[in-house]
Protein backbone atom coordinates (compact mmCIF):
# COMPACT_ATOMS: atom_id res chain seq x y z
CA MET A 1 32.21 -25.52 36.52
CA VAL A 2 33.93 -28.69 35.17
CA LEU A 3 31.63 -31.69 34.76
CA PRO A 4 32.59 -35.04 36.29
CA THR A 5 34.03 -37.52 33.80
CA PRO A 6 31.12 -40.06 33.94
CA VAL A 7 28.58 -37.33 33.13
CA VAL A 8 30.70 -36.10 30.22
CA MET A 9 30.89 -39.63 28.82
CA LEU A 10 27.12 -40.12 29.22
CA LYS A 11 26.48 -36.80 27.53
CA LYS A 12 28.61 -37.78 24.53
CA GLN A 13 26.82 -41.10 24.17
CA VAL A 14 23.34 -39.50 24.35
CA THR A 15 24.31 -36.82 21.82
CA LYS A 16 25.72 -39.40 19.41
CA ARG A 17 22.64 -41.64 19.55
CA LEU A 18 20.17 -38.76 19.31
CA ASN A 19 22.00 -37.31 16.31
CA ARG A 20 21.96 -40.70 14.58
CA PHE A 21 18.21 -41.09 15.26
CA VAL A 22 17.44 -37.57 13.99
CA SER A 23 19.43 -38.14 10.80
CA LYS A 24 17.63 -41.43 10.10
CA THR A 25 14.20 -39.88 10.81
CA THR A 26 14.94 -36.87 8.60
CA LYS A 27 15.94 -39.15 5.73
CA MET A 28 12.73 -41.17 6.07
CA ARG A 29 10.62 -37.99 6.18
CA SER A 30 12.30 -36.60 3.06
CA GLU A 31 11.67 -39.85 1.17
CA ASP A 32 8.00 -39.81 2.18
CA SER A 33 7.56 -36.17 1.26
CA SER A 34 8.87 -36.78 -2.27
CA HIS A 35 5.59 -38.57 -2.99
CA GLN A 36 3.42 -35.80 -1.61
CA ARG A 37 2.64 -32.34 -2.97
CA SER A 38 3.28 -29.65 -0.36
CA SER A 39 1.00 -26.67 0.12
CA LEU A 40 1.78 -23.31 -1.49
CA PHE A 41 3.25 -21.93 1.70
CA SER A 42 4.93 -25.09 3.02
CA LEU A 43 8.46 -24.85 4.35
CA PRO A 44 11.25 -27.39 3.85
CA CYS A 45 11.75 -27.75 7.58
CA SER A 46 10.25 -30.90 9.11
CA LYS A 47 8.23 -30.42 12.27
CA THR A 48 9.33 -33.85 13.44
CA THR A 49 12.98 -32.93 13.02
CA LEU A 50 12.39 -29.64 14.81
CA GLY A 51 10.77 -31.45 17.71
CA LEU A 52 13.62 -33.96 17.95
CA THR A 53 16.17 -31.16 17.91
CA ARG A 54 14.39 -29.58 20.87
CA ILE A 55 14.41 -32.97 22.64
CA GLN A 56 18.19 -33.01 22.16
CA GLU A 57 18.51 -29.61 23.77
CA ARG A 58 16.33 -30.58 26.74
CA VAL A 59 18.16 -33.88 27.34
CA LEU A 60 21.55 -32.21 27.20
CA ALA A 61 20.35 -29.35 29.38
CA SER A 62 19.20 -31.84 32.00
CA LEU A 63 22.59 -33.55 31.88
CA SER A 64 24.85 -30.52 32.03
CA GLY A 65 22.70 -27.64 33.26
CA PRO A 66 22.89 -24.16 31.78
CA ALA A 67 26.09 -24.90 29.90
CA ALA A 68 24.33 -27.19 27.43
CA GLY A 69 21.83 -24.51 26.51
CA LYS A 70 24.67 -22.54 24.95
CA LEU A 71 25.61 -25.36 22.61
CA ASN A 72 24.70 -25.27 18.92
CA ILE A 73 23.38 -28.77 18.23
CA GLN A 74 23.80 -29.78 14.57
CA GLY A 75 24.10 -26.14 13.51
CA THR A 76 20.71 -25.12 14.98
CA PRO A 77 20.96 -21.38 15.65
CA LYS A 78 20.38 -20.17 19.15
CA THR A 79 17.50 -17.69 19.08
CA SER A 80 16.37 -15.29 21.74
CA GLU A 81 13.45 -16.05 23.96
CA HIS A 82 11.09 -13.82 21.95
CA GLU A 83 12.28 -14.60 18.39
CA MET A 84 10.52 -17.04 16.11
CA THR A 85 11.97 -18.70 13.03
CA GLU A 86 10.02 -19.63 9.89
CA SER A 87 9.66 -23.22 11.09
CA ASP A 88 7.80 -22.07 14.21
CA TYR A 89 4.82 -20.78 12.19
CA ASP A 90 1.75 -22.70 11.11
CA ASN A 91 1.65 -22.46 7.30
CA SER A 92 -1.73 -24.07 6.66
CA TRP A 93 -4.07 -22.03 4.47
CA TRP A 94 -6.47 -21.02 7.23
CA ALA A 95 -3.68 -20.16 9.63
CA VAL A 96 -2.01 -17.97 7.01
CA VAL A 97 -5.26 -16.13 6.23
CA LYS A 98 -5.80 -15.41 9.94
CA GLU A 99 -2.20 -14.27 10.27
CA ALA A 100 -2.63 -11.87 7.33
CA PHE A 101 -5.59 -10.15 9.01
CA ARG A 102 -4.20 -10.25 12.55
CA GLY A 103 -0.75 -9.06 11.53
CA SER A 104 2.44 -10.96 10.84
CA GLN A 105 5.74 -10.57 12.67
CA ARG A 106 7.71 -12.71 10.22
CA ASP A 107 11.03 -11.78 8.70
CA PHE A 108 10.08 -11.16 5.04
CA THR A 109 13.69 -11.48 3.94
CA GLN A 110 13.36 -15.23 4.54
CA GLY A 111 10.89 -17.97 3.67
CA PRO A 112 8.76 -18.54 0.55
CA LEU A 113 8.07 -15.44 -1.54
CA GLY A 114 4.51 -16.53 -2.28
CA LEU A 115 3.77 -16.54 1.44
CA ALA A 116 5.41 -13.15 1.99
CA ILE A 117 3.44 -11.55 -0.86
CA PHE A 118 0.18 -13.04 0.42
CA LEU A 119 0.71 -11.91 4.02
CA LEU A 120 1.49 -8.36 2.91
CA ALA A 121 -0.95 -8.06 0.00
CA VAL A 122 -4.15 -9.20 1.73
CA PRO A 123 -4.26 -6.40 4.34
CA MET A 124 -2.91 -3.88 1.81
CA VAL A 125 -5.70 -4.72 -0.65
CA MET A 126 -8.28 -4.30 2.11
CA GLU A 127 -6.62 -1.01 3.06
CA MET A 128 -7.01 0.28 -0.51
CA VAL A 129 -10.65 -0.76 -0.61
CA MET A 130 -11.28 1.22 2.56
CA GLU A 131 -9.44 4.23 1.15
CA SER A 132 -11.87 4.36 -1.77
CA VAL A 133 -14.87 4.30 0.57
CA PHE A 134 -14.09 7.78 1.95
CA ALA A 135 -14.83 9.52 -1.34
CA VAL A 136 -17.92 7.42 -2.09
CA VAL A 137 -19.62 7.75 1.32
CA ASP A 138 -19.42 11.56 1.52
CA VAL A 139 -20.84 12.04 -1.97
CA PHE A 140 -23.58 9.47 -1.31
CA PHE A 141 -24.98 11.39 1.67
CA VAL A 142 -24.23 14.91 0.40
CA ALA A 143 -26.11 14.16 -2.84
CA GLU A 144 -29.33 14.40 -0.81
CA LEU A 145 -28.63 18.11 -0.24
CA GLY A 146 -28.65 19.09 -3.92
CA ALA A 147 -26.31 20.16 -6.70
CA ASP A 148 -24.63 23.01 -4.78
CA ALA A 149 -23.58 20.67 -1.98
CA ILE A 150 -22.13 18.19 -4.48
CA ALA A 151 -20.26 21.06 -6.16
CA ILE A 152 -18.75 22.11 -2.81
CA VAL A 153 -17.46 18.59 -2.16
CA GLY A 154 -16.20 18.19 -5.73
CA ILE A 155 -14.33 21.51 -5.87
CA THR A 156 -12.80 20.99 -2.43
CA GLU A 157 -11.70 17.50 -3.45
CA THR A 158 -9.82 19.14 -6.33
CA MET A 159 -7.98 21.33 -3.81
CA MET A 160 -7.25 18.26 -1.68
CA PHE A 161 -5.29 16.93 -4.65
CA LEU A 162 -2.30 18.96 -3.42
CA VAL A 163 -2.66 17.44 0.05
CA TYR A 164 -2.80 13.92 -1.39
CA SER A 165 0.26 14.62 -3.55
CA VAL A 166 2.35 15.79 -0.59
CA ALA A 167 1.08 12.95 1.61
CA MET A 168 1.90 10.34 -1.05
CA GLY A 169 5.35 11.83 -1.60
CA VAL A 170 6.32 11.75 2.07
CA ALA A 171 4.71 8.30 2.45
CA ILE A 172 6.82 6.86 -0.39
CA GLY A 173 9.97 8.25 1.23
CA ALA A 174 8.94 6.76 4.59
CA THR A 175 8.23 3.31 3.15
CA ALA A 176 11.53 3.20 1.23
CA THR A 177 13.70 4.24 4.18
CA VAL A 178 11.92 2.29 6.92
CA SER A 179 11.77 -0.93 4.89
CA ARG A 180 15.48 -0.62 4.03
CA ARG A 181 16.43 -0.20 7.70
CA ILE A 182 14.21 -3.14 8.70
CA GLY A 183 15.94 -5.29 6.10
CA GLU A 184 19.31 -4.22 7.49
CA LYS A 185 18.07 -5.25 10.97
CA ASP A 186 18.70 -1.64 12.02
CA ARG A 187 15.68 -1.07 14.28
CA ASP A 188 17.06 2.18 15.65
CA GLY A 189 17.56 3.53 12.13
CA ALA A 190 14.00 2.55 11.19
CA ALA A 191 12.66 4.36 14.25
CA ARG A 192 14.65 7.50 13.48
CA PHE A 193 13.46 7.64 9.87
CA ALA A 194 9.87 7.06 11.00
CA ILE A 195 10.03 9.95 13.47
CA HIS A 196 11.64 12.31 10.96
CA ALA A 197 9.02 11.41 8.34
CA ILE A 198 6.36 12.41 10.89
CA TYR A 199 8.21 15.70 11.51
CA LEU A 200 8.29 16.36 7.77
CA GLY A 201 4.60 15.54 7.35
CA CYS A 202 3.62 17.85 10.22
CA VAL A 203 5.56 20.81 8.80
CA ALA A 204 4.02 20.35 5.34
CA SER A 205 0.47 19.91 6.67
CA ILE A 206 0.68 22.99 8.92
CA ALA A 207 1.78 25.14 5.98
CA MET A 208 -1.10 23.86 3.83
CA ALA A 209 -3.57 24.31 6.71
CA ILE A 210 -2.68 27.98 7.17
CA ILE A 211 -3.17 28.67 3.46
CA GLY A 212 -6.42 26.68 3.36
CA ILE A 213 -8.02 28.38 6.37
CA ILE A 214 -7.14 31.92 5.27
CA CYS A 215 -7.72 31.57 1.53
CA ALA A 216 -10.66 29.10 1.30
CA PRO A 217 -13.17 31.56 -0.26
CA GLN A 218 -10.59 32.84 -2.75
CA LEU A 219 -9.63 29.28 -3.73
CA LEU A 220 -13.28 28.39 -4.34
CA ARG A 221 -13.70 31.43 -6.60
CA LEU A 222 -10.45 30.60 -8.40
CA LEU A 223 -11.84 27.19 -9.31
CA GLY A 224 -15.02 28.70 -10.71
CA ALA A 225 -17.46 28.25 -7.82
CA GLU A 226 -20.63 30.36 -7.98
CA PRO A 227 -21.23 32.99 -5.23
CA GLN A 228 -23.79 30.81 -3.45
CA VAL A 229 -21.38 27.86 -3.46
CA VAL A 230 -18.63 30.06 -2.03
CA ARG A 231 -20.94 31.34 0.72
CA ASP A 232 -22.27 27.92 1.71
CA GLY A 233 -19.07 25.95 1.17
CA ALA A 234 -16.31 28.13 2.63
CA LEU A 235 -16.54 26.51 6.08
CA TYR A 236 -16.47 22.99 4.59
CA THR A 237 -13.35 23.86 2.60
CA GLN A 238 -11.69 25.49 5.62
CA LEU A 239 -12.33 22.40 7.75
CA MET A 240 -11.03 19.97 5.13
CA LEU A 241 -7.89 21.97 4.30
CA GLY A 242 -7.34 23.17 7.86
CA GLY A 243 -7.59 19.62 9.18
CA ASN A 244 -5.41 18.13 6.45
CA ILE A 245 -2.91 16.97 9.06
CA VAL A 246 -5.09 13.93 9.79
CA VAL A 247 -5.03 13.05 6.07
CA VAL A 248 -1.25 13.41 5.88
CA MET A 249 -0.72 11.45 9.10
CA LEU A 250 -3.07 8.70 7.96
CA PHE A 251 -1.07 8.25 4.75
CA LEU A 252 2.25 8.57 6.56
CA LEU A 253 1.69 6.31 9.56
CA ASN A 254 0.26 3.59 7.33
CA ALA A 255 3.29 3.92 5.05
CA ILE A 256 5.58 3.40 8.05
CA PHE A 257 3.66 0.27 9.06
CA ARG A 258 3.83 -1.06 5.49
CA GLY A 259 7.57 -0.43 5.35
CA ALA A 260 8.01 -2.31 8.62
CA GLY A 261 5.86 -5.19 7.32
CA ASP A 262 2.94 -4.46 9.70
CA ALA A 263 0.39 -4.14 6.90
CA ALA A 264 -2.49 -5.42 9.05
CA ILE A 265 -2.25 -2.37 11.33
CA ALA A 266 -2.61 -0.03 8.34
CA MET A 267 -5.69 -2.00 7.29
CA ARG A 268 -7.28 -1.74 10.74
CA VAL A 269 -6.60 2.00 10.89
CA LEU A 270 -8.66 2.63 7.75
CA TRP A 271 -11.38 0.21 8.86
CA ILE A 272 -11.80 2.24 12.05
CA ALA A 273 -11.71 5.60 10.27
CA ASN A 274 -14.19 4.52 7.59
CA LEU A 275 -16.63 2.87 9.97
CA LEU A 276 -16.81 6.04 12.06
CA ASN A 277 -17.19 8.19 8.95
CA CYS A 278 -20.07 6.03 7.67
CA VAL A 279 -21.87 6.27 11.01
CA LEU A 280 -21.24 9.97 11.68
CA ASP A 281 -21.93 11.30 8.16
CA PRO A 282 -25.75 11.07 8.29
CA LEU A 283 -25.80 12.11 11.96
CA PHE A 284 -24.00 15.42 11.38
CA ILE A 285 -25.34 16.13 7.88
CA PHE A 286 -29.04 15.63 8.65
CA GLY A 287 -29.04 16.26 12.42
CA VAL A 288 -30.24 12.87 13.64
CA GLY A 289 -31.25 12.80 17.33
CA PHE A 290 -29.26 15.23 19.47
CA PHE A 291 -26.64 15.79 16.74
CA PRO A 292 -26.70 19.27 15.12
CA GLU A 293 -27.87 19.56 11.51
CA LEU A 294 -24.77 20.94 9.79
CA GLY A 295 -25.54 20.16 6.16
CA VAL A 296 -22.51 19.79 3.91
CA THR A 297 -20.27 21.01 6.76
CA GLY A 298 -21.33 17.92 8.70
CA ALA A 299 -19.61 15.75 6.10
CA ALA A 300 -16.31 17.50 6.87
CA VAL A 301 -16.85 17.13 10.62
CA ALA A 302 -17.62 13.41 10.30
CA THR A 303 -14.62 12.80 8.03
CA LEU A 304 -12.23 14.65 10.33
CA ILE A 305 -13.48 12.83 13.43
CA GLY A 306 -13.20 9.44 11.73
CA ARG A 307 -9.71 10.13 10.43
CA SER A 308 -8.59 11.60 13.75
CA ILE A 309 -9.61 8.46 15.63
CA GLY A 310 -7.80 6.41 12.98
CA VAL A 311 -4.66 8.50 13.46
CA ALA A 312 -4.94 8.14 17.26
CA TYR A 313 -5.13 4.35 16.93
CA ALA A 314 -2.20 4.30 14.50
CA SER A 315 -0.14 6.53 16.81
CA TYR A 316 -0.79 4.25 19.76
CA GLN A 317 0.29 1.22 17.72
CA LEU A 318 3.46 2.97 16.58
CA PHE A 319 4.54 4.60 19.84
CA PHE A 320 3.45 1.99 22.39
CA ALA A 321 2.59 -1.35 20.77
CA ASP A 322 4.67 -1.83 17.62
CA LYS A 323 6.93 -4.89 17.70
CA GLN A 324 9.18 -4.03 14.75
CA PHE A 325 11.00 -1.22 16.52
CA GLU A 326 10.83 0.47 19.90
CA LEU A 327 10.74 4.26 19.95
CA ARG A 328 13.06 5.78 22.54
CA LYS A 329 13.96 9.31 23.58
CA GLU A 330 17.08 9.49 21.43
CA HIS A 331 15.06 8.70 18.29
CA TRP A 332 13.27 12.06 18.61
CA GLN A 333 16.49 14.08 18.27
CA VAL A 334 16.49 16.06 15.02
CA ARG A 335 19.12 14.93 12.50
CA PHE A 336 19.34 17.09 9.39
CA GLU A 337 21.04 14.33 7.40
CA ILE A 338 17.93 12.18 7.82
CA PHE A 339 15.76 15.12 6.75
CA ARG A 340 17.94 15.56 3.67
CA ARG A 341 17.62 11.92 2.67
CA LEU A 342 13.86 11.90 3.21
CA LEU A 343 13.38 15.12 1.25
CA SER A 344 15.47 13.85 -1.66
CA LEU A 345 13.01 10.97 -2.01
CA SER A 346 9.77 12.67 -1.05
CA TRP A 347 9.81 15.76 -3.27
CA VAL A 348 10.51 13.64 -6.35
CA ALA A 349 7.75 11.20 -5.36
CA THR A 350 5.37 14.14 -4.95
CA LEU A 351 6.30 15.34 -8.44
CA GLN A 352 5.81 11.81 -9.76
CA PHE A 353 2.32 11.55 -8.27
CA THR A 354 1.41 15.04 -9.54
CA ILE A 355 2.52 14.27 -13.10
CA GLY A 356 0.47 11.09 -13.23
CA THR A 357 -2.66 12.51 -11.65
CA ALA A 358 -2.64 15.81 -13.54
CA SER A 359 -2.57 13.93 -16.85
CA TRP A 360 -6.19 12.93 -16.20
CA ILE A 361 -7.09 16.63 -16.30
CA GLY A 362 -5.59 16.83 -19.78
CA LEU A 363 -7.63 13.84 -20.92
CA MET A 364 -10.79 15.38 -19.48
CA ARG A 365 -10.16 18.51 -21.55
CA VAL A 366 -10.04 16.39 -24.70
CA VAL A 367 -13.27 14.55 -23.81
CA ALA A 368 -15.05 17.79 -22.86
CA GLY A 369 -14.99 18.87 -26.50
CA PHE A 370 -17.66 16.27 -27.31
CA GLY A 371 -20.31 17.43 -24.86
CA SER A 372 -21.62 16.68 -21.38
CA GLU A 373 -22.86 13.20 -22.29
CA ALA A 374 -19.36 12.16 -23.35
CA VAL A 375 -17.94 13.63 -20.13
CA ALA A 376 -20.52 11.79 -18.02
CA GLY A 377 -19.84 8.46 -19.75
CA TYR A 378 -16.08 8.96 -19.47
CA THR A 379 -16.39 9.79 -15.75
CA ILE A 380 -18.41 6.64 -15.05
CA ALA A 381 -15.97 4.42 -16.93
CA ILE A 382 -12.90 5.90 -15.21
CA ARG A 383 -14.44 5.67 -11.71
CA VAL A 384 -15.28 1.98 -12.22
CA VAL A 385 -11.80 1.24 -13.59
CA MET A 386 -10.08 3.04 -10.70
CA PHE A 387 -12.09 1.10 -8.15
CA ALA A 388 -11.22 -2.19 -9.90
CA LEU A 389 -7.52 -1.32 -9.84
CA LEU A 390 -7.41 -0.86 -6.06
CA PRO A 391 -6.46 -4.51 -5.39
CA ALA A 392 -3.59 -4.02 -7.83
CA VAL A 393 -2.36 -1.11 -5.70
CA GLY A 394 -2.34 -3.42 -2.67
CA LEU A 395 -0.19 -6.00 -4.44
CA ALA A 396 2.08 -3.25 -5.75
CA ASN A 397 2.57 -1.93 -2.20
CA ALA A 398 3.51 -5.44 -1.08
CA ALA A 399 6.21 -5.52 -3.76
CA SER A 400 7.50 -2.14 -2.58
CA THR A 401 7.93 -3.40 0.99
CA LEU A 402 9.64 -6.62 -0.11
CA VAL A 403 12.07 -4.74 -2.35
CA GLY A 404 13.07 -2.34 0.42
CA GLN A 405 13.53 -5.00 3.09
CA ASN A 406 15.46 -7.41 0.86
CA LEU A 407 17.75 -4.69 -0.46
CA GLY A 408 18.45 -3.78 3.15
CA ALA A 409 19.31 -7.43 3.82
CA GLN A 410 21.70 -7.39 0.81
CA GLN A 411 19.50 -9.92 -1.00
CA THR A 412 19.17 -8.23 -4.39
CA ASP A 413 18.19 -11.42 -6.22
CA ARG A 414 15.36 -12.09 -3.78
CA ALA A 415 14.23 -8.46 -4.12
CA GLU A 416 14.01 -8.82 -7.91
CA LYS A 417 12.27 -12.20 -7.74
CA SER A 418 9.66 -10.79 -5.36
CA VAL A 419 8.79 -8.08 -7.89
CA TRP A 420 8.37 -10.46 -10.82
CA LYS A 421 6.29 -12.84 -8.73
CA ALA A 422 4.04 -10.03 -7.48
CA ALA A 423 3.73 -8.76 -11.05
CA GLN A 424 2.72 -12.23 -12.19
CA TYR A 425 0.02 -12.50 -9.52
CA ASN A 426 -1.22 -9.00 -10.28
CA ALA A 427 -1.35 -9.60 -14.03
CA VAL A 428 -3.41 -12.77 -13.61
CA PHE A 429 -5.80 -11.12 -11.18
CA GLN A 430 -6.28 -7.97 -13.25
CA THR A 431 -6.71 -9.98 -16.46
CA ALA A 432 -9.58 -11.86 -14.82
CA ILE A 433 -11.22 -8.56 -13.85
CA GLY A 434 -10.65 -7.22 -17.35
CA ILE A 435 -12.40 -10.21 -18.92
CA VAL A 436 -15.40 -9.66 -16.64
CA PHE A 437 -15.56 -5.98 -17.59
CA VAL A 438 -15.32 -6.71 -21.31
CA ILE A 439 -18.20 -9.18 -21.10
CA LEU A 440 -20.37 -7.23 -18.64
CA ALA A 441 -19.51 -3.65 -19.60
CA LEU A 442 -23.09 -2.69 -20.45
CA PRO A 443 -24.77 -4.17 -17.32
CA ILE A 444 -22.13 -2.55 -15.11
CA ALA A 445 -22.63 0.84 -16.76
CA LYS A 446 -26.40 0.54 -16.30
CA ILE A 447 -25.88 0.58 -12.53
CA PHE A 448 -24.85 4.24 -12.80
CA THR A 449 -27.06 5.63 -15.58
CA ASP A 450 -30.03 4.87 -17.79
CA GLN A 451 -29.48 7.65 -20.34
CA PRO A 452 -28.81 5.94 -23.71
CA ASN A 453 -25.97 8.15 -24.95
CA VAL A 454 -24.20 8.31 -21.60
CA LEU A 455 -24.64 4.56 -21.23
CA ALA A 456 -23.04 3.96 -24.62
CA TYR A 457 -20.01 6.14 -23.81
CA ALA A 458 -19.57 4.49 -20.40
CA ALA A 459 -19.90 0.89 -21.65
CA ASP A 460 -17.55 1.46 -24.59
CA GLY A 461 -15.00 3.14 -22.35
CA LEU A 462 -15.12 0.38 -19.78
CA ARG A 463 -14.72 -2.25 -22.49
CA ILE A 464 -11.81 -0.59 -24.33
CA ILE A 465 -9.83 0.34 -21.21
CA SER A 466 -10.25 -3.21 -19.86
CA TYR A 467 -8.27 -4.62 -22.80
CA GLY A 468 -5.10 -3.39 -21.10
CA PHE A 469 -5.71 -4.71 -17.58
CA PHE A 470 -2.91 -7.29 -17.93
CA PHE A 471 -0.40 -4.49 -18.49
CA TYR A 472 -1.87 -2.30 -15.76
CA GLY A 473 -1.21 -5.03 -13.19
CA VAL A 474 2.43 -5.44 -14.24
CA GLY A 475 3.12 -1.71 -14.57
CA MET A 476 1.80 -0.80 -11.13
CA VAL A 477 4.01 -3.39 -9.43
CA LEU A 478 7.11 -2.24 -11.30
CA GLU A 479 6.48 1.43 -10.55
CA ASN A 480 6.08 0.73 -6.83
CA ALA A 481 9.17 -1.49 -6.90
CA PHE A 482 11.26 1.46 -8.10
CA ASN A 483 9.83 3.60 -5.30
CA GLY A 484 10.43 0.87 -2.71
CA ALA A 485 14.07 0.77 -3.76
CA GLY A 486 14.32 4.54 -3.34
CA ASP A 487 14.66 5.09 -7.10
CA THR A 488 11.89 7.68 -7.33
CA TRP A 489 13.38 9.43 -10.37
CA THR A 490 12.88 6.54 -12.79
CA PRO A 491 9.05 6.29 -12.49
CA THR A 492 8.89 10.11 -12.52
CA TYR A 493 10.66 10.25 -15.89
CA LEU A 494 8.53 7.39 -17.19
CA ASN A 495 5.29 9.10 -16.10
CA LEU A 496 6.34 12.32 -17.82
CA LEU A 497 7.28 10.49 -21.02
CA VAL A 498 4.28 8.16 -21.23
CA PHE A 499 1.47 10.40 -19.98
CA TRP A 500 2.44 13.85 -21.27
CA VAL A 501 4.59 13.15 -24.32
CA PHE A 502 2.68 10.10 -25.58
CA GLU A 503 -0.81 9.68 -24.07
CA ILE A 504 -2.33 13.18 -24.23
CA PRO A 505 -1.12 14.00 -27.77
CA LEU A 506 -2.26 10.55 -28.93
CA ALA A 507 -5.68 11.07 -27.35
CA TYR A 508 -6.08 14.39 -29.18
CA VAL A 509 -5.01 12.95 -32.53
CA LEU A 510 -7.26 9.88 -32.26
CA ALA A 511 -10.23 11.91 -31.01
CA TYR A 512 -10.09 14.81 -33.48
CA GLN A 513 -7.87 13.85 -36.41
CA PHE A 514 -9.13 10.28 -36.77
CA GLY A 515 -12.68 11.11 -35.73
CA LEU A 516 -12.88 8.57 -32.87
CA GLU A 517 -14.11 11.25 -30.44
CA ALA A 518 -14.20 9.98 -26.81
CA HIS A 519 -13.28 6.50 -28.01
CA GLY A 520 -9.92 7.89 -29.09
CA VAL A 521 -9.23 8.89 -25.49
CA TYR A 522 -10.12 5.40 -24.30
CA TRP A 523 -7.68 3.82 -26.75
CA ALA A 524 -4.97 6.31 -25.77
CA ILE A 525 -5.34 5.29 -22.11
CA THR A 526 -5.06 1.59 -22.95
CA LEU A 527 -2.02 2.05 -25.20
CA ALA A 528 -0.26 4.42 -22.79
CA PHE A 529 -0.56 2.17 -19.73
CA SER A 530 0.52 -0.83 -21.81
CA MET A 531 3.52 1.13 -23.02
CA LEU A 532 4.35 2.15 -19.44
CA ALA A 533 4.42 -1.51 -18.35
CA VAL A 534 6.68 -2.58 -21.22
CA VAL A 535 9.15 0.30 -20.81
CA SER A 536 9.19 -0.15 -17.01
CA ALA A 537 10.01 -3.85 -17.42
CA ILE A 538 12.91 -3.04 -19.75
CA VAL A 539 14.35 -0.43 -17.38
CA PHE A 540 13.78 -2.64 -14.33
CA ARG A 541 15.75 -5.51 -15.89
CA ARG A 542 18.81 -3.28 -16.16
CA GLY A 543 19.01 -3.38 -12.37
CA LYS A 544 20.26 0.13 -11.62
CA TRP A 545 17.59 0.40 -8.90
CA LYS A 546 19.61 -2.13 -6.89
CA LEU A 547 22.41 0.40 -6.44
CA VAL A 548 20.33 3.24 -4.96
CA GLU A 549 21.22 4.17 -1.38
CA VAL A 550 18.53 5.56 0.92
């Protein structure tokens, strides 16, 4: 419909005067802001200017009806009814903290990197803390049942290493592919890769479950369990291995959420699973109230129930409530090309995780030559260090998501900057923890033991390993950045080189040839992880990871 001439003239006059007023106001605001320090997460967009721009749109809409709503005033992009731009968010500190825990729907390929890292890292750090609670809670309650019960849990946990390796491998493939599709704004592609990752995880977990249920007693004997342990622990092992699908799905669904930028959902999933496990463990183990007294088997029942509820919640969020992509019928159709791409990432990531984790077995063999007290002290030191490094894993996962999404958005420079910034934050944080451990190594070790020789080994180990915390923080971010880019081969080669070619031989030489005993192993760990960080930084700067297609 053609507008009458007087209305057109009035519209032009209003637009001209409003534009002049907005320009003058924006100039005044920019001059004022030059004298003020903005917050860490502040955006360059002025709220006043944004409000005036909306006034323009409303005035013009009232003058010319629906036609004016299609206009692009002063280059302001027309967004859909449900989309929000960076300027629509409240970036005050408290608002950002609440957003991190509630879940953010921002586009992480835009806006300040510090804000993006914070919003992703906070829930991911909390997720890692909850992940560590699973192992601690079961052992805490089972310890009341005696040494045989602890042995059952410990030996079965060794078998679960294979489950964790497969779950981590598929999870890395899921994060890399989903984050890349999200960055490309290909929601359908992200949904398809998510579904196929779930297919892959189900097939792998079913195969491991069949082996675990049938061969549990034989596996216990293979790992050196005594006859009584095999008799009492076979059912526990069958339940844990037979129900491994909830472990795999927990890893996998959370990896999909992280890749999509929904880190808060992954955090809530583990909060739910852990809370239930903490409540149900004593009920099923000791038979409180009307609950049956199942002993060590009760720990498996409680863990499986807790994880199953967590998986149910995660599945609901993914299939019915997720805002990043909508799952439709066509996304469930099997595409072998997607399977091929996922497998090419996941099997290498599984190998990478296996190489790194198995190296600790080699170090334990070296320490074992100096007696049980050395082994006990080494175990205490390593457990404390691993727990302290969990926040670093959260920050590293944030870097992985940012790399994948920004590569998908063809923003390679932003992807690289996000990694270095996350590495900087991680290095500072881990250095602070390392300083605390160096100063308080003995008091911390006393929490776990009062035996003089064990205490000495534990305190010395904690102190020596803490010298390298700066490098640990940097190295973990860089390794996850490679994985987030889909370059799973590079960290696999680096793990093989550093841990098996350098670390284990060095530990043996320092321990036996130089007479440092267990202290030689501690120094080998510190030097190896420092070397890994330096070599990773050199390789990362070459930038070949930017060219990987997933």
